[in-house]
């Protein structure tokens, strides 16, 4: 059963509020909200403490418990030779795809990298903003259910383009984390420091360091409940990017859209487990055609059960003839991926304020952004696109304001500075200015 409802009376607004409230609490957060928060948090705290106290031996013990019973300390670090050999073993066409992805992601990330602006000048005062890359970052991507070389690329390339001196990568010591395609992706990106550590233990290792692993300044990347809670617990000790949840898609369409393509995009994102899928449309007939296409296409796909779960949980929403209302709803849902299939995509794009990434038109599948187009697919989820952005070089850089006065200008500003300092009873602030103008 694929939910479909039409906004026609005020009571439907209650349903909308329920959907948005559920999105703000992804399935992991909902589990915590149901009373498991203390238990899971306690487990994560214990893992972090174990890593802080025992370092490498803790990582080995945890890896043996969850990933590989034969894991050893010698396997913690992936050698450059292992990466190169994996790249040589994989199918040449797959390696060519990895190379193309790295090239195009690097091209885009270089294009959007922040540039140093000329300082603002005001008489004898110069003020500017200095951009500086972080010294070190730790990139985590999951490997419990499948191999995700694309996530490695989408995290590592922006960090390297930003100019981070030390980029380390961590993924579980599972068979997926050890897969040739993951190691080959690391080789093609140029990763030189990679470790087989998963879950909360990986977050602890990057935050605190171990005998083998030096700590980093910021931790970035997706992961399960344990990873997300661990990131929260170490936040402040290190920087974090945010809390990346399950994949989402919203297609915003009118009667001109292609139901076959909409269905294929919804099914693609529903493959993630869990996943969230929405169609907002002005056309009830289009919605029915999309449902028919989903049923027809579903039989040819492998991950049928997670797709069914995603489609059962979410909705196709019809608002007859009101594109403005659809855009308003899209902005409230603030989805990770938004695909536009309307007669006036430019107008809709201009009005759309909140989205992780937007794919404009029928020839722009979200899958292109997942793998090869250029922007990172590590994006805000669970309505957090209201206030946050996807991974880019900005995530790996910080801003430092720069102020430089000359004597006449500090003399001109001094009375106002002193007045404000005295109003706050901060005599030392006032005197630090007065000494400059008195002695010169």
Protein backbone atom coordinates (compact mmCIF):
# COMPACT_ATOMS: atom_id res chain seq x y z
CA UNK A 1 0.00 0.00 0.00
CA UNK A 2 1.45 3.36 -1.08
CA UNK A 3 -0.07 6.25 0.91
CA UNK A 4 -1.75 8.92 -1.22
CA UNK A 5 -3.78 11.77 0.13
CA UNK A 6 -5.17 15.01 -1.19
CA UNK A 7 -5.12 18.27 0.72
CA UNK A 8 -8.71 19.40 0.53
CA UNK A 9 -9.82 20.46 4.02
CA UNK A 10 -8.22 21.83 7.21
CA UNK A 11 -8.03 18.40 8.84
CA UNK A 12 -5.39 17.40 6.29
CA UNK A 13 -3.03 19.91 7.89
CA UNK A 14 -2.85 17.62 10.94
CA UNK A 15 -1.48 14.87 8.70
CA UNK A 16 1.14 17.24 7.30
CA UNK A 17 2.23 18.22 10.82
CA UNK A 18 2.53 14.54 11.76
CA UNK A 19 4.73 13.84 8.72
CA UNK A 20 7.03 16.78 9.44
CA UNK A 21 7.26 15.87 13.14
CA UNK A 22 8.22 12.32 12.20
CA UNK A 23 10.87 13.56 9.77
CA UNK A 24 12.48 15.64 12.47
CA UNK A 25 12.93 12.43 14.45
CA UNK A 26 14.55 9.91 12.10
CA UNK A 27 14.09 6.20 12.92
CA UNK A 28 17.20 6.21 15.08
CA UNK A 29 16.03 9.21 17.07
CA UNK A 30 12.56 7.71 17.36
CA UNK A 31 14.10 4.62 18.94
CA UNK A 32 15.80 6.85 21.45
CA UNK A 33 12.62 8.79 22.10
CA UNK A 34 10.79 5.55 22.91
CA UNK A 35 12.88 5.11 26.03
CA UNK A 36 16.08 3.55 24.73
CA UNK A 37 18.14 6.74 24.84
CA UNK A 38 19.72 6.08 28.24
CA UNK A 39 20.56 2.47 27.37
CA UNK A 40 22.14 3.23 24.00
CA UNK A 41 23.95 6.30 25.28
CA UNK A 42 25.36 4.25 28.15
CA UNK A 43 26.63 1.62 25.71
CA UNK A 44 28.28 4.27 23.54
CA UNK A 45 29.85 5.94 26.59
CA UNK A 46 31.29 2.58 27.62
CA UNK A 47 32.80 2.05 24.16
CA UNK A 48 34.30 5.54 24.14
CA UNK A 49 35.77 5.02 27.60
CA UNK A 50 37.18 1.66 26.55
CA UNK A 51 38.93 3.25 23.56
CA UNK A 52 40.20 6.17 25.65
CA UNK A 53 41.61 3.82 28.30
CA UNK A 54 42.99 0.97 26.19
CA UNK A 55 43.59 2.37 22.71
CA UNK A 56 44.48 -0.16 20.03
CA UNK A 57 43.64 -3.21 22.13
CA UNK A 58 40.11 -1.88 22.58
CA UNK A 59 39.73 -1.36 18.84
CA UNK A 60 40.84 -4.93 18.17
CA UNK A 61 38.52 -6.36 20.81
CA UNK A 62 35.53 -4.42 19.47
CA UNK A 63 36.31 -5.36 15.86
CA UNK A 64 36.48 -9.04 16.84
CA UNK A 65 33.11 -8.75 18.54
CA UNK A 66 31.22 -6.98 15.75
CA UNK A 67 33.07 -7.51 12.46
CA UNK A 68 35.78 -10.16 12.27
CA UNK A 69 36.60 -12.71 15.00
CA UNK A 70 40.11 -13.12 13.57
CA UNK A 71 40.94 -9.41 13.46
CA UNK A 72 44.42 -8.42 14.67
CA UNK A 73 46.21 -5.21 15.54
CA UNK A 74 48.34 -5.57 12.40
CA UNK A 75 45.18 -5.16 10.31
CA UNK A 76 44.20 -1.81 11.85
CA UNK A 77 45.98 0.34 9.30
CA UNK A 78 45.45 -0.20 5.58
CA UNK A 79 48.80 0.07 3.81
CA UNK A 80 49.24 2.06 0.59
CA UNK A 81 50.26 -1.20 -1.08
CA UNK A 82 46.91 -2.78 -0.17
CA UNK A 83 45.07 0.14 -1.75
CA UNK A 84 47.15 0.02 -4.93
CA UNK A 85 46.82 -3.74 -5.29
CA UNK A 86 43.04 -3.50 -4.84
CA UNK A 87 42.88 -0.86 -7.58
CA UNK A 88 44.74 -3.22 -9.90
CA UNK A 89 42.43 -6.14 -9.08
CA UNK A 90 39.06 -4.54 -9.74
CA UNK A 91 37.40 -4.56 -13.14
CA UNK A 92 38.99 -1.91 -15.44
CA UNK A 93 35.60 -0.41 -16.23
CA UNK A 94 34.81 -0.05 -12.54
CA UNK A 95 38.17 1.60 -11.97
CA UNK A 96 37.44 3.98 -14.86
CA UNK A 97 34.14 4.88 -13.17
CA UNK A 98 35.96 5.60 -9.90
CA UNK A 99 38.47 7.79 -11.72
CA UNK A 100 35.73 9.74 -13.47
CA UNK A 101 33.87 10.26 -10.20
CA UNK A 102 37.02 11.53 -8.46
CA UNK A 103 37.86 13.85 -11.37
CA UNK A 104 34.40 15.40 -11.60
CA UNK A 105 33.90 15.73 -7.86
CA UNK A 106 37.30 17.40 -7.56
CA UNK A 107 36.47 19.78 -10.41
CA UNK A 108 33.22 20.86 -8.79
CA UNK A 109 34.62 21.13 -5.27
CA UNK A 110 37.52 23.23 -6.54
CA UNK A 111 35.04 25.52 -8.29
CA UNK A 112 33.05 26.16 -5.09
CA UNK A 113 36.02 26.43 -2.73
CA UNK A 114 35.89 29.75 -0.84
CA UNK A 115 38.24 32.42 -2.15
CA UNK A 116 40.02 35.17 -0.27
CA UNK A 117 38.30 38.53 -0.81
CA UNK A 118 40.03 41.89 -0.82
CA UNK A 119 39.77 43.56 2.62
CA UNK A 120 37.14 46.16 3.34
CA UNK A 121 38.82 49.54 3.84
CA UNK A 122 37.46 52.45 5.86
CA UNK A 123 39.90 55.36 5.86
CA UNK A 124 42.89 53.91 7.73
CA UNK A 125 41.15 50.70 8.75
CA UNK A 126 41.42 47.38 6.91
CA UNK A 127 39.16 44.45 7.76
CA UNK A 128 38.97 41.07 6.13
CA UNK A 129 38.27 37.39 6.50
CA UNK A 130 41.07 34.84 6.35
CA UNK A 131 40.14 31.29 5.25
CA UNK A 132 42.29 28.52 6.71
CA UNK A 133 42.05 24.77 6.15
CA UNK A 134 41.84 22.55 9.21
CA UNK A 135 45.02 20.72 10.17
CA UNK A 136 43.40 17.28 10.39
CA UNK A 137 40.03 15.63 9.78
CA UNK A 138 38.66 12.14 10.25
CA UNK A 139 36.22 10.79 7.68
CA UNK A 140 33.89 7.97 8.66
CA UNK A 141 31.65 6.02 6.34
CA UNK A 142 29.65 2.87 7.15
CA UNK A 143 30.35 -0.62 5.86
CA UNK A 144 28.06 -2.91 7.78
CA UNK A 145 25.51 -3.65 5.04
CA UNK A 146 27.33 -2.82 1.80
CA UNK A 147 30.48 -1.26 0.35
CA UNK A 148 30.23 2.50 -0.20
CA UNK A 149 33.19 3.76 -2.25
CA UNK A 150 31.11 6.73 -3.36
CA UNK A 151 30.82 7.99 0.23
CA UNK A 152 34.59 7.85 0.60
CA UNK A 153 34.97 9.97 -2.54
CA UNK A 154 32.29 12.44 -1.50
CA UNK A 155 33.96 13.00 1.88
CA UNK A 156 37.66 12.86 1.03
CA UNK A 157 37.78 14.96 -2.13
CA UNK A 158 36.22 18.11 -0.56
CA UNK A 159 38.61 17.80 2.40
CA UNK A 160 41.62 17.56 0.11
CA UNK A 161 40.42 20.42 -2.08
CA UNK A 162 40.05 22.53 1.08
CA UNK A 163 43.75 21.94 1.76
CA UNK A 164 43.52 19.82 4.92
CA UNK A 165 47.03 18.62 5.76
CA UNK A 166 46.03 15.28 7.24
CA UNK A 167 42.96 13.38 6.06
CA UNK A 168 42.29 10.00 7.66
CA UNK A 169 39.57 7.55 6.67
CA UNK A 170 37.82 4.94 8.81
CA UNK A 171 35.36 2.22 7.91
CA UNK A 172 34.43 -1.03 9.72
CA UNK A 173 36.61 -4.12 9.57
CA UNK A 174 33.71 -5.96 7.91
CA UNK A 175 33.97 -7.71 4.56
CA UNK A 176 32.47 -4.58 2.99
CA UNK A 177 35.00 -2.30 4.65
CA UNK A 178 37.75 -4.56 3.34
CA UNK A 179 36.34 -4.78 -0.18
CA UNK A 180 38.59 -4.09 -3.14
CA UNK A 181 36.31 -1.38 -4.50
CA UNK A 182 36.54 0.62 -1.25
CA UNK A 183 40.33 0.30 -1.11
CA UNK A 184 40.56 1.15 -4.81
CA UNK A 185 38.51 4.29 -4.25
CA UNK A 186 40.89 5.31 -1.47
CA UNK A 187 43.82 4.80 -3.83
CA UNK A 188 42.23 6.85 -6.63
CA UNK A 189 41.38 9.70 -4.26
CA UNK A 190 44.92 9.75 -2.87
CA UNK A 191 44.19 8.66 0.71
CA UNK A 192 47.38 7.80 2.57
CA UNK A 193 45.99 7.08 6.05
CA UNK A 194 43.13 4.61 6.34
CA UNK A 195 42.01 2.39 9.24
CA UNK A 196 39.67 -0.55 9.71
CA UNK A 197 37.65 0.68 12.68
CA UNK A 198 33.87 0.91 12.85
CA UNK A 199 31.01 2.39 14.84
CA UNK A 200 31.41 4.34 18.06
CA UNK A 201 34.94 2.93 18.47
CA UNK A 202 36.01 4.74 15.30
CA UNK A 203 34.63 8.02 16.62
CA UNK A 204 36.48 7.51 19.89
CA UNK A 205 39.74 6.67 18.12
CA UNK A 206 39.54 9.82 16.01
CA UNK A 207 38.61 12.01 18.97
CA UNK A 208 41.05 10.69 21.59
CA UNK A 209 43.74 8.91 19.59
CA UNK A 210 45.32 5.51 20.26
CA UNK A 211 48.84 4.07 20.07
CA UNK A 212 48.46 3.79 16.28
CA UNK A 213 46.01 6.58 15.46
CA UNK A 214 46.66 10.25 16.15
CA UNK A 215 43.53 12.27 17.03
CA UNK A 216 41.97 14.71 14.56
CA UNK A 217 40.42 18.15 14.82
CA UNK A 218 37.07 17.35 13.18
CA UNK A 219 35.01 14.22 12.46
CA UNK A 220 32.75 14.08 9.40
CA UNK A 221 30.51 11.43 7.87
CA UNK A 222 27.35 9.32 8.15
CA UNK A 223 26.72 6.29 10.34
CA UNK A 224 24.25 4.36 12.46
CA UNK A 225 22.71 5.24 15.83
CA UNK A 226 25.89 4.43 17.74
CA UNK A 227 28.00 6.59 15.44
CA UNK A 228 25.62 9.54 15.71
CA UNK A 229 25.44 9.38 19.51
CA UNK A 230 29.23 9.03 19.71
CA UNK A 231 29.62 12.14 17.57
CA UNK A 232 27.35 14.03 19.94
CA UNK A 233 29.29 12.87 22.98
CA UNK A 234 32.70 13.89 21.62
CA UNK A 235 31.45 17.18 20.15
CA UNK A 236 33.44 19.97 21.74
CA UNK A 237 36.47 17.76 22.14
CA UNK A 238 36.51 17.74 18.33
CA UNK A 239 34.38 19.41 15.68
CA UNK A 240 31.63 17.44 14.00
CA UNK A 241 29.66 18.01 10.81
CA UNK A 242 26.20 17.18 12.13
CA UNK A 243 23.97 14.12 12.22
CA UNK A 244 23.45 12.57 8.80
CA UNK A 245 20.35 10.39 8.78
CA UNK A 246 18.61 8.07 6.33
CA UNK A 247 18.39 9.04 2.67
CA UNK A 248 15.43 11.14 1.50
CA UNK A 249 13.91 12.30 -1.76
CA UNK A 250 11.12 14.70 -2.59
CA UNK A 251 9.88 15.15 -6.15
CA UNK A 252 7.93 18.33 -6.81
CA UNK A 253 5.87 17.91 -9.95
CA UNK A 254 2.89 19.11 -11.98
CA UNK A 255 0.91 17.43 -14.75
CA UNK A 256 3.79 17.86 -17.24
CA UNK A 257 6.03 15.43 -15.33
CA UNK A 258 6.99 11.93 -16.43
CA UNK A 259 5.49 9.34 -14.01
CA UNK A 260 7.95 6.65 -15.13
CA UNK A 261 10.97 8.77 -14.19
CA UNK A 262 9.44 9.95 -10.92
CA UNK A 263 8.77 6.35 -9.92
CA UNK A 264 12.32 5.33 -10.76
CA UNK A 265 13.77 8.13 -8.60
CA UNK A 266 11.51 7.29 -5.65
CA UNK A 267 12.42 3.62 -5.91
CA UNK A 268 16.13 4.44 -6.10
CA UNK A 269 16.14 6.36 -2.82
CA UNK A 270 13.80 3.82 -1.20
CA UNK A 271 16.57 1.24 -1.67
CA UNK A 272 18.30 2.77 1.34
CA UNK A 273 17.27 1.14 4.58
CA UNK A 274 15.62 3.14 6.01
CA UNK A 275 14.68 5.66 3.33
CA UNK A 276 12.07 8.39 2.91
CA UNK A 277 10.19 9.17 -0.31
CA UNK A 278 7.76 11.96 -1.16
CA UNK A 279 5.91 13.14 -4.23
CA UNK A 280 4.30 16.57 -3.99
CA UNK A 281 2.14 17.25 -7.02
CA UNK A 282 -0.69 19.40 -8.28
CA UNK A 283 -2.05 16.48 -10.30
CA UNK A 284 -3.96 13.56 -8.78
CA UNK A 285 -3.84 11.71 -12.13
CA UNK A 286 -0.03 11.98 -12.14
CA UNK A 287 0.11 10.56 -8.61
CA UNK A 288 -1.97 7.54 -9.67
CA UNK A 289 0.27 6.95 -12.69
CA UNK A 290 3.36 7.11 -10.45
CA UNK A 291 1.85 4.48 -8.14
CA UNK A 292 1.21 2.21 -11.13
CA UNK A 293 4.78 2.71 -12.34
CA UNK A 294 6.20 1.92 -8.90
CA UNK A 295 4.29 -1.37 -8.81
CA UNK A 296 5.49 -2.20 -12.33
CA UNK A 297 9.16 -1.34 -11.75
CA UNK A 298 9.45 -2.81 -8.26
CA UNK A 299 9.52 -6.38 -9.54
CA UNK A 300 12.80 -5.86 -11.37
CA UNK A 301 14.71 -4.61 -8.30
CA UNK A 302 16.64 -6.54 -5.65
CA UNK A 303 16.00 -4.65 -2.41
CA UNK A 304 12.25 -5.12 -2.44
CA UNK A 305 11.61 -5.22 1.33
CA UNK A 306 13.39 -1.96 2.29
CA UNK A 307 11.72 -0.29 -0.69
CA UNK A 308 8.29 -1.40 0.49
CA UNK A 309 9.01 -0.15 4.01
CA UNK A 310 10.05 3.26 2.73
CA UNK A 311 7.02 3.61 0.49
CA UNK A 312 4.63 2.51 3.23
CA UNK A 313 6.02 5.07 5.64
CA UNK A 314 5.76 8.10 3.42
CA UNK A 315 3.29 9.80 1.18
CA UNK A 316 2.22 11.17 -2.14
CA UNK A 317 0.54 14.48 -1.48
CA UNK A 318 -1.75 16.17 -4.01
CA UNK A 319 -2.66 19.85 -3.86
CA UNK A 320 -4.97 20.62 -6.76
CA UNK A 321 -3.66 23.46 -8.89
CA UNK A 322 -1.62 25.16 -6.15
CA UNK A 323 2.10 25.20 -6.94
CA UNK A 324 2.63 27.89 -4.30
CA UNK A 325 1.28 25.53 -1.62
CA UNK A 326 3.46 22.71 -2.90
CA UNK A 327 6.56 24.88 -2.66
CA UNK A 328 5.55 25.94 0.86
CA UNK A 329 5.31 22.28 1.88
CA UNK A 330 8.63 21.46 0.21
CA UNK A 331 10.30 24.21 2.21
CA UNK A 332 8.85 22.83 5.44
CA UNK A 333 9.95 19.29 4.66
CA UNK A 334 13.44 20.64 3.77
CA UNK A 335 14.40 17.38 2.09
CA UNK A 336 17.87 16.00 1.43
CA UNK A 337 17.27 15.54 -2.32
CA UNK A 338 14.66 17.48 -4.29
CA UNK A 339 13.86 16.74 -7.93
CA UNK A 340 11.92 19.35 -9.93
CA UNK A 341 9.67 18.21 -12.77
CA UNK A 342 7.40 21.16 -13.56
CA UNK A 343 6.59 23.43 -16.48
CA UNK A 344 8.59 26.25 -14.87
CA UNK A 345 11.50 24.71 -12.98
CA UNK A 346 13.34 28.04 -12.83
CA UNK A 347 10.48 29.66 -10.91
CA UNK A 348 10.21 26.73 -8.50
CA UNK A 349 13.99 26.67 -7.92
CA UNK A 350 13.94 30.37 -7.11
CA UNK A 351 11.17 29.88 -4.53
CA UNK A 352 12.68 26.74 -3.00
CA UNK A 353 14.66 27.83 0.06
CA UNK A 354 15.40 24.61 1.93
CA UNK A 355 16.94 21.52 0.32
CA UNK A 356 20.20 19.61 0.62
CA UNK A 357 20.58 19.30 -3.16
CA UNK A 358 18.24 20.11 -6.04
CA UNK A 359 18.04 18.15 -9.30
CA UNK A 360 16.37 20.18 -12.00
CA UNK A 361 14.39 18.58 -14.81
CA UNK A 362 13.70 15.12 -16.17
CA UNK A 363 17.32 14.45 -17.17
CA UNK A 364 18.77 15.03 -13.69
CA UNK A 365 18.43 11.84 -11.62
CA UNK A 366 19.49 11.96 -7.99
CA UNK A 367 21.70 8.93 -8.71
CA UNK A 368 23.95 11.16 -10.83
CA UNK A 369 24.62 13.27 -7.75
CA UNK A 370 25.06 10.16 -5.63
CA UNK A 371 28.01 9.04 -7.70
CA UNK A 372 29.55 11.28 -10.28
CA UNK A 373 28.12 14.76 -10.99
CA UNK A 374 30.32 16.68 -8.53
CA UNK A 375 28.49 17.96 -5.42
CA UNK A 376 28.90 15.71 -2.38
CA UNK A 377 26.07 13.33 -1.63
CA UNK A 378 26.67 13.75 2.12
CA UNK A 379 23.75 16.10 2.78
CA UNK A 380 21.50 17.33 5.61
CA UNK A 381 18.53 15.09 6.40
CA UNK A 382 15.47 15.10 8.66
CA UNK A 383 14.52 18.71 7.80
CA UNK A 384 17.95 20.01 8.89
CA UNK A 385 18.40 21.61 5.45
CA UNK A 386 16.50 24.43 7.15
CA UNK A 387 19.77 25.46 8.77
CA UNK A 388 22.63 23.38 7.38
CA UNK A 389 24.33 22.49 4.12
CA UNK A 390 25.96 19.51 2.44
CA UNK A 391 29.63 18.60 2.61
CA UNK A 392 31.93 20.90 0.63
CA UNK A 393 35.34 22.53 1.20
CA UNK A 394 33.56 24.92 3.58
CA UNK A 395 33.13 22.02 6.03
CA UNK A 396 36.90 21.68 6.27
CA UNK A 397 37.84 25.35 6.54
CA UNK A 398 37.43 28.01 9.19
CA UNK A 399 37.16 31.78 9.07
CA UNK A 400 39.37 34.21 10.97
CA UNK A 401 38.51 37.89 10.99
CA UNK A 402 41.44 40.29 10.52
CA UNK A 403 41.44 43.92 11.73
CA UNK A 404 44.23 46.47 11.11
CA UNK A 405 43.97 50.14 12.26
CA UNK A 406 46.29 53.04 11.60
CA UNK A 407 46.78 55.80 14.20
CA UNK A 408 44.39 58.46 12.85
CA UNK A 409 41.57 55.96 12.52
CA UNK A 410 41.93 54.44 15.99
CA UNK A 411 41.97 58.03 17.32
CA UNK A 412 38.70 58.70 15.50
CA UNK A 413 37.05 55.52 16.85
CA UNK A 414 38.54 55.75 20.36
CA UNK A 415 35.89 57.97 22.02
CA UNK A 416 33.13 55.60 20.92
CA UNK A 417 35.01 52.48 22.01
CA UNK A 418 35.80 54.03 25.41
CA UNK A 419 32.19 55.15 25.86
CA UNK A 420 30.85 51.64 25.21
CA UNK A 421 33.52 49.97 27.37
CA UNK A 422 32.73 52.24 30.32
CA UNK A 423 29.01 51.55 29.90
CA UNK A 424 29.82 47.87 30.42
CA UNK A 425 32.15 48.71 33.36
CA UNK A 426 35.15 47.27 31.53
CA UNK A 427 37.77 49.89 32.37
CA UNK A 428 40.60 47.73 31.08
CA UNK A 429 39.04 47.72 27.60
CA UNK A 430 38.81 51.49 27.65
CA UNK A 431 42.37 51.92 28.91
CA UNK A 432 43.79 49.61 26.22
CA UNK A 433 42.52 52.11 23.66
CA UNK A 434 43.42 55.23 25.66
CA UNK A 435 47.07 54.14 26.03
CA UNK A 436 47.41 53.89 22.24
CA UNK A 437 46.16 57.37 21.52
CA UNK A 438 47.89 58.94 24.56
CA UNK A 439 51.41 57.70 23.76
CA UNK A 440 51.37 58.47 20.06
